[in-house]
PDB file of N, CA and C in Angstrom:
ATOM      1  N   UNK A   1      -5.390 -10.283  10.245  1.00  0.00           N
ATOM      2  CA  UNK A   1      -4.404 -10.086   9.382  1.00  0.00           C
ATOM      3  C   UNK A   1      -3.035  -9.584   9.971  1.00  0.00           C
ATOM      4  N   UNK A   2      -1.854 -10.413   9.493  1.00  0.00           N
ATOM      5  CA  UNK A   2      -0.563 -10.108   9.876  1.00  0.00           C
ATOM      6  C   UNK A   2      -0.187  -9.000   9.282  1.00  0.00           C
ATOM      7  N   UNK A   3       0.413  -8.042   9.790  1.00  0.00           N
ATOM      8  CA  UNK A   3       1.055  -6.855   9.200  1.00  0.00           C
ATOM      9  C   UNK A   3       2.286  -7.403   8.356  1.00  0.00           C
ATOM     10  N   UNK A   4       2.341  -7.301   7.116  1.00  0.00           N
ATOM     11  CA  UNK A   4       3.456  -7.811   6.285  1.00  0.00           C
ATOM     12  C   UNK A   4       4.533  -6.565   6.071  1.00  0.00           C
ATOM     13  N   UNK A   5       5.559  -6.833   6.950  1.00  0.00           N
ATOM     14  CA  UNK A   5       6.548  -5.661   6.695  1.00  0.00           C
ATOM     15  C   UNK A   5       7.608  -6.200   6.033  1.00  0.00           C
ATOM     16  N   UNK A   6       7.859  -5.406   4.756  1.00  0.00           N
ATOM     17  CA  UNK A   6       8.825  -5.826   3.750  1.00  0.00           C
ATOM     18  C   UNK A   6      10.191  -4.959   4.089  1.00  0.00           C
ATOM     19  N   UNK A   7      11.320  -5.580   3.813  1.00  0.00           N
ATOM     20  CA  UNK A   7      12.556  -4.734   4.257  1.00  0.00           C
ATOM     21  C   UNK A   7      13.627  -4.545   3.057  1.00  0.00           C
ATOM     22  N   UNK A   8      13.148  -5.071   2.121  1.00  0.00           N
ATOM     23  CA  UNK A   8      14.135  -4.943   0.805  1.00  0.00           C
ATOM     24  C   UNK A   8      13.231  -4.730  -0.489  1.00  0.00           C
ATOM     25  N   UNK A   9      13.957  -3.996  -1.445  1.00  0.00           N
ATOM     26  CA  UNK A   9      13.256  -3.831  -2.671  1.00  0.00           C
ATOM     27  C   UNK A   9      12.822  -5.039  -3.351  1.00  0.00           C
ATOM     28  N   UNK A  10      13.746  -6.243  -3.114  1.00  0.00           N
ATOM     29  CA  UNK A  10      13.403  -7.539  -3.862  1.00  0.00           C
ATOM     30  C   UNK A  10      12.178  -8.272  -2.955  1.00  0.00           C
ATOM     31  N   UNK A  11      11.900  -8.123  -1.813  1.00  0.00           N
ATOM     32  CA  UNK A  11      10.843  -8.467  -0.994  1.00  0.00           C
ATOM     33  C   UNK A  11       9.466  -7.792  -1.682  1.00  0.00           C
ATOM     34  N   UNK A  12       9.677  -6.266  -1.924  1.00  0.00           N
ATOM     35  CA  UNK A  12       8.550  -5.418  -2.556  1.00  0.00           C
ATOM     36  C   UNK A  12       8.218  -6.171  -3.947  1.00  0.00           C
ATOM     37  N   UNK A  13       9.221  -6.274  -4.770  1.00  0.00           N
ATOM     38  CA  UNK A  13       9.005  -6.753  -6.268  1.00  0.00           C
ATOM     39  C   UNK A  13       8.313  -7.970  -6.332  1.00  0.00           C
ATOM     40  N   UNK A  14       8.893  -8.988  -5.319  1.00  0.00           N
ATOM     41  CA  UNK A  14       8.270 -10.258  -5.359  1.00  0.00           C
ATOM     42  C   UNK A  14       6.919 -10.163  -4.970  1.00  0.00           C
ATOM     43  N   UNK A  15       6.649  -9.473  -3.815  1.00  0.00           N
ATOM     44  CA  UNK A  15       5.119  -9.304  -3.400  1.00  0.00           C
ATOM     45  C   UNK A  15       4.275  -8.735  -4.601  1.00  0.00           C
ATOM     46  N   UNK A  16       4.754  -7.686  -5.177  1.00  0.00           N
ATOM     47  CA  UNK A  16       4.006  -7.221  -6.267  1.00  0.00           C
ATOM     48  C   UNK A  16       3.803  -8.101  -7.331  1.00  0.00           C
ATOM     49  N   UNK A  17       4.913  -9.029  -7.846  1.00  0.00           N
ATOM     50  CA  UNK A  17       4.910  -9.775  -8.833  1.00  0.00           C
ATOM     51  C   UNK A  17       3.905 -10.996  -8.603  1.00  0.00           C
ATOM     52  N   UNK A  18       4.039 -11.369  -7.327  1.00  0.00           N
ATOM     53  CA  UNK A  18       3.198 -12.806  -6.842  1.00  0.00           C
ATOM     54  C   UNK A  18       1.670 -12.469  -6.725  1.00  0.00           C
ATOM     55  N   UNK A  19       1.224 -11.467  -6.425  1.00  0.00           N
ATOM     56  CA  UNK A  19      -0.153 -11.048  -6.192  1.00  0.00           C
ATOM     57  C   UNK A  19      -0.664 -10.236  -7.275  1.00  0.00           C
ATOM     58  N   UNK A  20      -2.144 -10.805  -7.478  1.00  0.00           N
ATOM     59  CA  UNK A  20      -2.781 -10.028  -8.538  1.00  0.00           C
ATOM     60  C   UNK A  20      -3.162  -8.363  -8.152  1.00  0.00           C
ATOM     61  N   UNK A  21      -2.904  -8.209  -6.872  1.00  0.00           N
ATOM     62  CA  UNK A  21      -3.420  -6.922  -6.312  1.00  0.00           C
ATOM     63  C   UNK A  21      -2.439  -6.710  -5.009  1.00  0.00           C
ATOM     64  N   UNK A  22      -1.880  -5.660  -4.938  1.00  0.00           N
ATOM     65  CA  UNK A  22      -0.977  -5.421  -3.759  1.00  0.00           C
ATOM     66  C   UNK A  22      -1.195  -3.814  -3.397  1.00  0.00           C
ATOM     67  N   UNK A  23      -1.100  -3.546  -2.162  1.00  0.00           N
ATOM     68  CA  UNK A  23      -1.116  -2.073  -1.609  1.00  0.00           C
ATOM     69  C   UNK A  23       0.248  -2.097  -0.884  1.00  0.00           C
ATOM     70  N   UNK A  24       1.010  -1.333  -1.365  1.00  0.00           N
ATOM     71  CA  UNK A  24       2.334  -0.963  -0.388  1.00  0.00           C
ATOM     72  C   UNK A  24       2.067   0.520   0.221  1.00  0.00           C
ATOM     73  N   UNK A  25       2.381   0.079   1.416  1.00  0.00           N
ATOM     74  CA  UNK A  25       2.159   1.344   2.420  1.00  0.00           C
ATOM     75  C   UNK A  25       3.529   1.905   2.848  1.00  0.00           C
ATOM     76  N   UNK A  26       3.912   2.925   2.503  1.00  0.00           N
ATOM     77  CA  UNK A  26       5.209   3.479   2.854  1.00  0.00           C
ATOM     78  C   UNK A  26       4.802   4.535   4.132  1.00  0.00           C
ATOM     79  N   UNK A  27       5.455   4.218   5.302  1.00  0.00           N
ATOM     80  CA  UNK A  27       5.357   4.957   6.499  1.00  0.00           C
ATOM     81  C   UNK A  27       6.695   5.260   7.230  1.00  0.00           C
ATOM     82  N   UNK A  28       6.528   6.158   8.286  1.00  0.00           N
ATOM     83  CA  UNK A  28       7.552   6.439   9.145  1.00  0.00           C
ATOM     84  C   UNK A  28       7.099   6.351  10.513  1.00  0.00           C
ATOM     85  N   UNK A  29       7.719   5.852  11.457  1.00  0.00           N
ATOM     86  CA  UNK A  29       7.408   5.916  12.785  1.00  0.00           C
ATOM     87  C   UNK A  29       7.156   7.232  13.457  1.00  0.00           C
ATOM     88  N   UNK A  30       7.626   8.309  12.956  1.00  0.00           N
ATOM     89  CA  UNK A  30       7.728   9.615  13.342  1.00  0.00           C
ATOM     90  C   UNK A  30       6.571  10.418  12.752  1.00  0.00           C
ATOM     91  N   UNK A  31       5.843   9.780  11.954  1.00  0.00           N
ATOM     92  CA  UNK A  31       4.732  10.487  11.000  1.00  0.00           C
ATOM     93  C   UNK A  31       3.386  10.282  11.752  1.00  0.00           C
ATOM     94  N   UNK A  32       2.814  11.290  12.298  1.00  0.00           N
ATOM     95  CA  UNK A  32       1.403  11.139  12.908  1.00  0.00           C
ATOM     96  C   UNK A  32       0.408  10.725  12.041  1.00  0.00           C
ATOM     97  N   UNK A  33       0.190  11.513  10.679  1.00  0.00           N
ATOM     98  CA  UNK A  33      -0.680  10.929   9.683  1.00  0.00           C
ATOM     99  C   UNK A  33      -0.462   9.213   9.386  1.00  0.00           C
ATOM    100  N   UNK A  34       0.770   8.845   9.351  1.00  0.00           N
ATOM    101  CA  UNK A  34       1.058   7.698   9.009  1.00  0.00           C
ATOM    102  C   UNK A  34       0.348   6.483  10.099  1.00  0.00           C
ATOM    103  N   UNK A  35       0.520   6.914  11.329  1.00  0.00           N
ATOM    104  CA  UNK A  35       0.043   6.086  12.373  1.00  0.00           C
ATOM    105  C   UNK A  35      -1.306   6.102  12.544  1.00  0.00           C
ATOM    106  N   UNK A  36      -2.008   7.420  12.342  1.00  0.00           N
ATOM    107  CA  UNK A  36      -3.563   7.309  12.394  1.00  0.00           C
ATOM    108  C   UNK A  36      -4.226   6.683  11.147  1.00  0.00           C
ATOM    109  N   UNK A  37      -3.593   6.764  10.227  1.00  0.00           N
ATOM    110  CA  UNK A  37      -4.236   6.381   8.766  1.00  0.00           C
ATOM    111  C   UNK A  37      -3.978   4.656   8.731  1.00  0.00           C
ATOM    112  N   UNK A  38      -2.957   4.377   9.244  1.00  0.00           N
ATOM    113  CA  UNK A  38      -2.538   2.774   9.185  1.00  0.00           C
ATOM    114  C   UNK A  38      -3.686   1.786   9.636  1.00  0.00           C
ATOM    115  N   UNK A  39      -4.296   2.055  10.725  1.00  0.00           N
ATOM    116  CA  UNK A  39      -5.521   1.234  10.910  1.00  0.00           C
ATOM    117  C   UNK A  39      -6.766   1.210  10.207  1.00  0.00           C
ATOM    118  N   UNK A  40      -7.032   2.608   9.610  1.00  0.00           N
ATOM    119  CA  UNK A  40      -7.961   2.616   8.832  1.00  0.00           C
ATOM    120  C   UNK A  40      -7.818   1.867   7.410  1.00  0.00           C
ATOM    121  N   UNK A  41      -6.542   2.114   7.051  1.00  0.00           N
ATOM    122  CA  UNK A  41      -6.298   1.103   5.612  1.00  0.00           C
ATOM    123  C   UNK A  41      -6.503  -0.321   5.835  1.00  0.00           C
ATOM    124  N   UNK A  42      -5.818  -0.769   6.913  1.00  0.00           N
ATOM    125  CA  UNK A  42      -5.966  -2.142   7.092  1.00  0.00           C
ATOM    126  C   UNK A  42      -7.443  -2.625   7.328  1.00  0.00           C
ATOM    127  N   UNK A  43      -8.338  -1.781   7.929  1.00  0.00           N
ATOM    128  CA  UNK A  43      -9.767  -2.127   7.890  1.00  0.00           C
ATOM    129  C   UNK A  43     -10.381  -2.196   6.826  1.00  0.00           C
ATOM    130  N   UNK A  44      -9.925  -1.078   5.944  1.00  0.00           N
ATOM    131  CA  UNK A  44     -10.598  -0.993   4.722  1.00  0.00           C
ATOM    132  C   UNK A  44     -10.295  -2.253   3.842  1.00  0.00           C
ATOM    133  N   UNK A  45      -8.948  -2.377   3.753  1.00  0.00           N
ATOM    134  CA  UNK A  45      -8.493  -3.737   2.912  1.00  0.00           C
ATOM    135  C   UNK A  45      -9.336  -5.037   3.548  1.00  0.00           C
ATOM    136  N   UNK A  46      -9.249  -5.263   4.880  1.00  0.00           N
ATOM    137  CA  UNK A  46      -9.847  -6.497   5.509  1.00  0.00           C
ATOM    138  C   UNK A  46     -11.440  -6.478   4.997  1.00  0.00           C
ATOM    139  N   UNK A  47     -11.978  -5.453   5.260  1.00  0.00           N
ATOM    140  CA  UNK A  47     -13.698  -5.441   4.854  1.00  0.00           C
ATOM    141  C   UNK A  47     -14.111  -5.302   3.524  1.00  0.00           C
ATOM    142  N   UNK A  48     -13.372  -4.796   2.602  1.00  0.00           N
ATOM    143  CA  UNK A  48     -13.747  -4.229   1.331  1.00  0.00           C
ATOM    144  C   UNK A  48     -13.138  -5.045   0.247  1.00  0.00           C
ATOM    145  N   UNK A  49     -11.857  -5.262   0.544  1.00  0.00           N
ATOM    146  CA  UNK A  49     -10.831  -5.721  -0.479  1.00  0.00           C
ATOM    147  C   UNK A  49     -10.010  -6.834   0.076  1.00  0.00           C
ATOM    148  N   UNK A  50     -10.390  -7.940   0.718  1.00  0.00           N
ATOM    149  CA  UNK A  50      -9.609  -8.987   1.342  1.00  0.00           C
ATOM    150  C   UNK A  50      -8.551  -9.668   0.449  1.00  0.00           C
ATOM    151  N   UNK A  51      -8.641  -9.510  -0.789  1.00  0.00           N
ATOM    152  CA  UNK A  51      -7.793 -10.190  -1.807  1.00  0.00           C
ATOM    153  C   UNK A  51      -6.644  -9.465  -2.284  1.00  0.00           C
ATOM    154  N   UNK A  52      -6.661  -8.071  -1.550  1.00  0.00           N
ATOM    155  CA  UNK A  52      -5.539  -7.359  -1.717  1.00  0.00           C
ATOM    156  C   UNK A  52      -4.460  -7.595  -0.742  1.00  0.00           C
ATOM    157  N   UNK A  53      -3.381  -7.743  -1.276  1.00  0.00           N
ATOM    158  CA  UNK A  53      -1.987  -7.988  -0.376  1.00  0.00           C
ATOM    159  C   UNK A  53      -1.717  -6.825   0.137  1.00  0.00           C
ATOM    160  N   UNK A  54      -1.617  -6.561   1.391  1.00  0.00           N
ATOM    161  CA  UNK A  54      -1.160  -5.612   2.180  1.00  0.00           C
ATOM    162  C   UNK A  54      -0.007  -5.423   2.631  1.00  0.00           C
ATOM    163  N   UNK A  55       1.046  -4.598   2.116  1.00  0.00           N
ATOM    164  CA  UNK A  55       2.310  -4.846   2.685  1.00  0.00           C
ATOM    165  C   UNK A  55       2.714  -3.507   3.297  1.00  0.00           C
ATOM    166  N   UNK A  56       3.666  -3.140   4.205  1.00  0.00           N
ATOM    167  CA  UNK A  56       4.050  -2.076   4.951  1.00  0.00           C
ATOM    168  C   UNK A  56       5.816  -1.881   4.835  1.00  0.00           C
ATOM    169  N   UNK A  57       6.059  -0.679   4.473  1.00  0.00           N
ATOM    170  CA  UNK A  57       7.575  -0.565   4.390  1.00  0.00           C
ATOM    171  C   UNK A  57       7.888   0.618   5.150  1.00  0.00           C
ATOM    172  N   UNK A  58       8.771   0.597   6.339  1.00  0.00           N
ATOM    173  CA  UNK A  58       9.235   1.559   7.079  1.00  0.00           C
ATOM    174  C   UNK A  58      10.117   2.394   6.221  1.00  0.00           C
ATOM    175  N   UNK A  59       9.832   3.534   5.773  1.00  0.00           N
ATOM    176  CA  UNK A  59      10.643   4.521   5.235  1.00  0.00           C
ATOM    177  C   UNK A  59      11.944   5.043   5.984  1.00  0.00           C
ATOM    178  N   UNK A  60      11.612   5.128   7.275  1.00  0.00           N
ATOM    179  CA  UNK A  60      12.900   5.439   8.120  1.00  0.00           C
ATOM    180  C   UNK A  60      14.012   4.392   8.164  1.00  0.00           C
ATOM    181  N   UNK A  61      13.581   3.233   8.429  1.00  0.00           N
ATOM    182  CA  UNK A  61      14.475   2.249   8.369  1.00  0.00           C
ATOM    183  C   UNK A  61      15.154   1.693   7.130  1.00  0.00           C
ATOM    184  N   UNK A  62      14.207   1.644   5.911  1.00  0.00           N
ATOM    185  CA  UNK A  62      14.778   1.193   4.728  1.00  0.00           C
ATOM    186  C   UNK A  62      14.379   2.508   3.587  1.00  0.00           C
ATOM    187  N   UNK A  63      15.212   3.423   3.618  1.00  0.00           N
ATOM    188  CA  UNK A  63      15.124   4.590   2.742  1.00  0.00           C
ATOM    189  C   UNK A  63      15.192   4.285   1.342  1.00  0.00           C
ATOM    190  N   UNK A  64      15.938   3.277   1.094  1.00  0.00           N
ATOM    191  CA  UNK A  64      16.250   2.996  -0.363  1.00  0.00           C
ATOM    192  C   UNK A  64      15.057   2.460  -1.047  1.00  0.00           C
ATOM    193  N   UNK A  65      14.076   1.776  -0.354  1.00  0.00           N
ATOM    194  CA  UNK A  65      12.962   1.238  -0.817  1.00  0.00           C
ATOM    195  C   UNK A  65      11.977   2.304  -1.488  1.00  0.00           C
ATOM    196  N   UNK A  66      11.714   3.229  -0.615  1.00  0.00           N
ATOM    197  CA  UNK A  66      10.775   4.413  -1.168  1.00  0.00           C
ATOM    198  C   UNK A  66      11.265   5.077  -2.365  1.00  0.00           C
ATOM    199  N   UNK A  67      12.696   5.349  -2.031  1.00  0.00           N
ATOM    200  CA  UNK A  67      13.357   5.919  -3.290  1.00  0.00           C
ATOM    201  C   UNK A  67      13.299   5.289  -4.615  1.00  0.00           C
ATOM    202  N   UNK A  68      13.500   4.056  -4.476  1.00  0.00           N
ATOM    203  CA  UNK A  68      13.363   3.161  -5.627  1.00  0.00           C
ATOM    204  C   UNK A  68      11.942   3.362  -6.279  1.00  0.00           C
ATOM    205  N   UNK A  69      11.063   3.639  -5.707  1.00  0.00           N
ATOM    206  CA  UNK A  69       9.542   3.719  -6.059  1.00  0.00           C
ATOM    207  C   UNK A  69       8.981   5.244  -6.369  1.00  0.00           C
ATOM    208  N   UNK A  70      10.177   6.314  -5.794  1.00  0.00           N
ATOM    209  CA  UNK A  70       9.757   7.629  -5.988  1.00  0.00           C
ATOM    210  C   UNK A  70       8.709   7.922  -4.975  1.00  0.00           C
ATOM    211  N   UNK A  71       8.874   7.465  -3.785  1.00  0.00           N
ATOM    212  CA  UNK A  71       7.897   7.679  -2.807  1.00  0.00           C
ATOM    213  C   UNK A  71       8.729   8.561  -1.741  1.00  0.00           C
ATOM    214  N   UNK A  72       8.427   9.876  -1.693  1.00  0.00           N
ATOM    215  CA  UNK A  72       9.436  10.697  -1.089  1.00  0.00           C
ATOM    216  C   UNK A  72       8.596  11.335   0.176  1.00  0.00           C
ATOM    217  N   UNK A  73       7.394  11.122   0.155  1.00  0.00           N
ATOM    218  CA  UNK A  73       6.396  11.618   1.303  1.00  0.00           C
ATOM    219  C   UNK A  73       5.789  10.485   1.952  1.00  0.00           C
ATOM    220  N   UNK A  74       5.563  10.789   3.456  1.00  0.00           N
ATOM    221  CA  UNK A  74       4.923   9.706   4.164  1.00  0.00           C
ATOM    222  C   UNK A  74       3.670  10.232   4.780  1.00  0.00           C
ATOM    223  N   UNK A  75       2.446   9.480   4.694  1.00  0.00           N
ATOM    224  CA  UNK A  75       2.460   8.209   4.115  1.00  0.00           C
ATOM    225  C   UNK A  75       2.231   8.181   2.597  1.00  0.00           C
ATOM    226  N   UNK A  76       2.651   7.344   1.875  1.00  0.00           N
ATOM    227  CA  UNK A  76       2.458   7.003   0.557  1.00  0.00           C
ATOM    228  C   UNK A  76       1.786   5.467   0.172  1.00  0.00           C
ATOM    229  N   UNK A  77       0.806   5.510  -0.228  1.00  0.00           N
ATOM    230  CA  UNK A  77       0.147   4.305  -0.668  1.00  0.00           C
ATOM    231  C   UNK A  77       0.474   3.971  -2.300  1.00  0.00           C
ATOM    232  N   UNK A  78       0.941   2.983  -2.665  1.00  0.00           N
ATOM    233  CA  UNK A  78       0.921   2.581  -4.108  1.00  0.00           C
ATOM    234  C   UNK A  78       0.263   1.233  -4.257  1.00  0.00           C
ATOM    235  N   UNK A  79      -0.751   1.418  -5.233  1.00  0.00           N
ATOM    236  CA  UNK A  79      -1.718   0.077  -5.360  1.00  0.00           C
ATOM    237  C   UNK A  79      -1.309  -0.373  -6.752  1.00  0.00           C
ATOM    238  N   UNK A  80      -0.892  -1.716  -6.762  1.00  0.00           N
ATOM    239  CA  UNK A  80      -0.561  -2.325  -7.829  1.00  0.00           C
ATOM    240  C   UNK A  80      -1.759  -3.398  -8.318  1.00  0.00           C
ATOM    241  N   UNK A  81      -2.128  -3.399  -9.605  1.00  0.00           N
ATOM    242  CA  UNK A  81      -2.996  -4.452 -10.222  1.00  0.00           C
ATOM    243  C   UNK A  81      -2.114  -5.090 -11.077  1.00  0.00           C
ATOM    244  N   UNK A  82      -2.046  -6.443 -10.893  1.00  0.00           N
ATOM    245  CA  UNK A  82      -1.437  -7.445 -12.067  1.00  0.00           C
ATOM    246  C   UNK A  82       0.106  -6.761 -12.267  1.00  0.00           C
ATOM    247  N   UNK A  83       0.676  -6.457 -11.190  1.00  0.00           N
ATOM    248  CA  UNK A  83       2.192  -6.196 -11.387  1.00  0.00           C
ATOM    249  C   UNK A  83       2.416  -4.591 -12.048  1.00  0.00           C
ATOM    250  N   UNK A  84       1.308  -3.956 -12.081  1.00  0.00           N
ATOM    251  CA  UNK A  84       1.497  -2.556 -12.610  1.00  0.00           C
ATOM    252  C   UNK A  84       0.830  -1.469 -11.750  1.00  0.00           C
ATOM    253  N   UNK A  85       1.732  -0.388 -11.490  1.00  0.00           N
ATOM    254  CA  UNK A  85       1.243   0.639 -10.671  1.00  0.00           C
ATOM    255  C   UNK A  85      -0.219   1.245 -11.250  1.00  0.00           C
ATOM    256  N   UNK A  86      -1.168   1.255 -10.238  1.00  0.00           N
ATOM    257  CA  UNK A  86      -2.589   1.729 -10.845  1.00  0.00           C
ATOM    258  C   UNK A  86      -2.629   3.066 -10.221  1.00  0.00           C
ATOM    259  N   UNK A  87      -2.615   3.386  -9.003  1.00  0.00           N
ATOM    260  CA  UNK A  87      -2.678   4.688  -8.252  1.00  0.00           C
ATOM    261  C   UNK A  87      -1.700   4.703  -7.055  1.00  0.00           C
ATOM    262  N   UNK A  88      -1.573   6.149  -6.915  1.00  0.00           N
ATOM    263  CA  UNK A  88      -0.377   6.438  -5.814  1.00  0.00           C
ATOM    264  C   UNK A  88      -1.204   7.673  -5.195  1.00  0.00           C
ATOM    265  N   UNK A  89      -1.232   7.260  -3.731  1.00  0.00           N
ATOM    266  CA  UNK A  89      -1.859   8.305  -2.956  1.00  0.00           C
ATOM    267  C   UNK A  89      -0.672   8.749  -1.933  1.00  0.00           C
ATOM    268  N   UNK A  90      -0.689  10.034  -1.456  1.00  0.00           N
ATOM    269  CA  UNK A  90       0.162  10.613  -0.476  1.00  0.00           C
ATOM    270  C   UNK A  90      -0.392  11.541   0.456  1.00  0.00           C
ATOM    271  N   UNK A  91       0.333  11.646   1.646  1.00  0.00           N
ATOM    272  CA  UNK A  91       0.042  12.559   2.778  1.00  0.00           C
ATOM    273  C   UNK A  91      -1.396  12.509   3.056  1.00  0.00           C
ATOM    274  N   UNK A  92      -2.568  13.403   2.552  1.00  0.00           N
ATOM    275  CA  UNK A  92      -3.771  13.568   3.324  1.00  0.00           C
ATOM    276  C   UNK A  92      -4.523  12.470   2.274  1.00  0.00           C
ATOM    277  N   UNK A  93      -5.071  11.252   2.834  1.00  0.00           N
ATOM    278  CA  UNK A  93      -5.454  10.298   2.056  1.00  0.00           C
ATOM    279  C   UNK A  93      -7.036  10.113   2.487  1.00  0.00           C
ATOM    280  N   UNK A  94      -7.805  10.265   1.490  1.00  0.00           N
ATOM    281  CA  UNK A  94      -9.242  10.076   1.957  1.00  0.00           C
ATOM    282  C   UNK A  94      -9.667   8.528   1.718  1.00  0.00           C
ATOM    283  N   UNK A  95     -10.153   8.004   3.037  1.00  0.00           N
ATOM    284  CA  UNK A  95     -10.269   6.463   2.771  1.00  0.00           C
ATOM    285  C   UNK A  95     -11.540   6.150   1.850  1.00  0.00           C
ATOM    286  N   UNK A  96     -12.791   6.981   1.946  1.00  0.00           N
ATOM    287  CA  UNK A  96     -13.827   6.787   0.972  1.00  0.00           C
ATOM    288  C   UNK A  96     -13.258   6.930  -0.478  1.00  0.00           C
ATOM    289  N   UNK A  97     -12.481   7.983  -0.710  1.00  0.00           N
ATOM    290  CA  UNK A  97     -11.880   8.190  -2.156  1.00  0.00           C
ATOM    291  C   UNK A  97     -10.994   6.980  -2.453  1.00  0.00           C
ATOM    292  N   UNK A  98     -10.195   6.453  -1.346  1.00  0.00           N
ATOM    293  CA  UNK A  98      -9.204   5.484  -1.903  1.00  0.00           C
ATOM    294  C   UNK A  98     -10.228   4.192  -2.220  1.00  0.00           C
ATOM    295  N   UNK A  99     -11.289   4.043  -1.231  1.00  0.00           N
ATOM    296  CA  UNK A  99     -12.068   2.810  -1.393  1.00  0.00           C
ATOM    297  C   UNK A  99     -12.704   2.823  -3.073  1.00  0.00           C
ATOM    298  N   UNK A 100     -13.245   4.022  -3.416  1.00  0.00           N
ATOM    299  CA  UNK A 100     -13.812   4.020  -4.740  1.00  0.00           C
ATOM    300  C   UNK A 100     -12.802   3.939  -5.954  1.00  0.00           C
ATOM    301  N   UNK A 101     -11.646   4.424  -5.477  1.00  0.00           N
ATOM    302  CA  UNK A 101     -10.683   4.162  -6.799  1.00  0.00           C
ATOM    303  C   UNK A 101     -10.088   2.864  -6.946  1.00  0.00           C
ATOM    304  N   UNK A 102     -10.146   1.967  -5.789  1.00  0.00           N
ATOM    305  CA  UNK A 102      -9.737   0.616  -5.857  1.00  0.00           C
ATOM    306  C   UNK A 102     -10.704  -0.326  -6.333  1.00  0.00           C
ATOM    307  N   UNK A 103     -12.106   0.096  -5.998  1.00  0.00           N
ATOM    308  CA  UNK A 103     -13.330  -0.728  -6.359  1.00  0.00           C
ATOM    309  C   UNK A 103     -13.477  -1.234  -7.741  1.00  0.00           C
ATOM    310  N   UNK A 104     -13.337  -0.455  -8.758  1.00  0.00           N
ATOM    311  CA  UNK A 104     -13.570  -0.938 -10.097  1.00  0.00           C
ATOM    312  C   UNK A 104     -12.666  -1.972 -10.520  1.00  0.00           C
ATOM    313  N   UNK A 105     -11.272  -1.722 -10.580  1.00  0.00           N
ATOM    314  CA  UNK A 105     -10.205  -2.566 -10.967  1.00  0.00           C
ATOM    315  C   UNK A 105     -10.450  -3.956 -10.362  1.00  0.00           C
ATOM    316  N   UNK A 106     -10.691  -3.679  -8.773  1.00  0.00           N
ATOM    317  CA  UNK A 106     -10.755  -4.787  -7.942  1.00  0.00           C
ATOM    318  C   UNK A 106     -11.692  -5.835  -8.206  1.00  0.00           C
ATOM    319  N   UNK A 107     -12.957  -5.211  -8.542  1.00  0.00           N
ATOM    320  CA  UNK A 107     -13.993  -6.101  -9.060  1.00  0.00           C
ATOM    321  C   UNK A 107     -13.736  -6.759 -10.421  1.00  0.00           C
ATOM    322  N   UNK A 108     -13.130  -6.088 -11.278  1.00  0.00           N
ATOM    323  CA  UNK A 108     -12.804  -6.527 -12.794  1.00  0.00           C
ATOM    324  C   UNK A 108     -11.870  -7.850 -12.728  1.00  0.00           C
ATOM    325  N   UNK A 109     -10.814  -7.921 -11.599  1.00  0.00           N
ATOM    326  CA  UNK A 109      -9.890  -8.890 -11.326  1.00  0.00           C
ATOM    327  C   UNK A 109     -10.460 -10.083 -10.452  1.00  0.00           C
ATOM    328  N   UNK A 110     -11.291  -9.834  -9.657  1.00  0.00           N
ATOM    329  CA  UNK A 110     -11.721 -10.791  -8.584  1.00  0.00           C
ATOM    330  C   UNK A 110     -13.203 -11.175  -8.680  1.00  0.00           C
ATOM    331  N   UNK A 111     -13.827 -10.345  -9.429  1.00  0.00           N
ATOM    332  CA  UNK A 111     -15.315 -10.790  -9.421  1.00  0.00           C
ATOM    333  C   UNK A 111     -15.858 -11.560 -10.711  1.00  0.00           C
TER     334      UNK A 111
END
C-alpha cells in the first residue's frame, strides 16, 4: 500500500468525501508513539479493513490541517464513514480496540 500523504485541508476533505471509509492519521516526525503505531495501523487496515482509505497528515509540516479538525495531540486517528466523523482516537491507541470499533460500521457499509 502506498502511504497516502495529504498536504492541504482540501486534499483531506476531498479524500473523505470521495471514499466511503477514510482513516486520517495525524502524526509528527518527533513523536515516538506516532512512529511505533504507524506500521501497526497500516497492517490493521491492509489485513482487516482493505477498503478503508488510509491517509497521513504530518502535523509538524502542516499544522493548519489538524487544527481545522481540532486534532491537537499526536498521534490522532479520525475515522470517517460516508463523510461523517465516526470515531477519534488520540495518544495511546489500542489496535484491538480500534479494530473492534471499526468492524461493525465497516461490515455494514462493505459487506
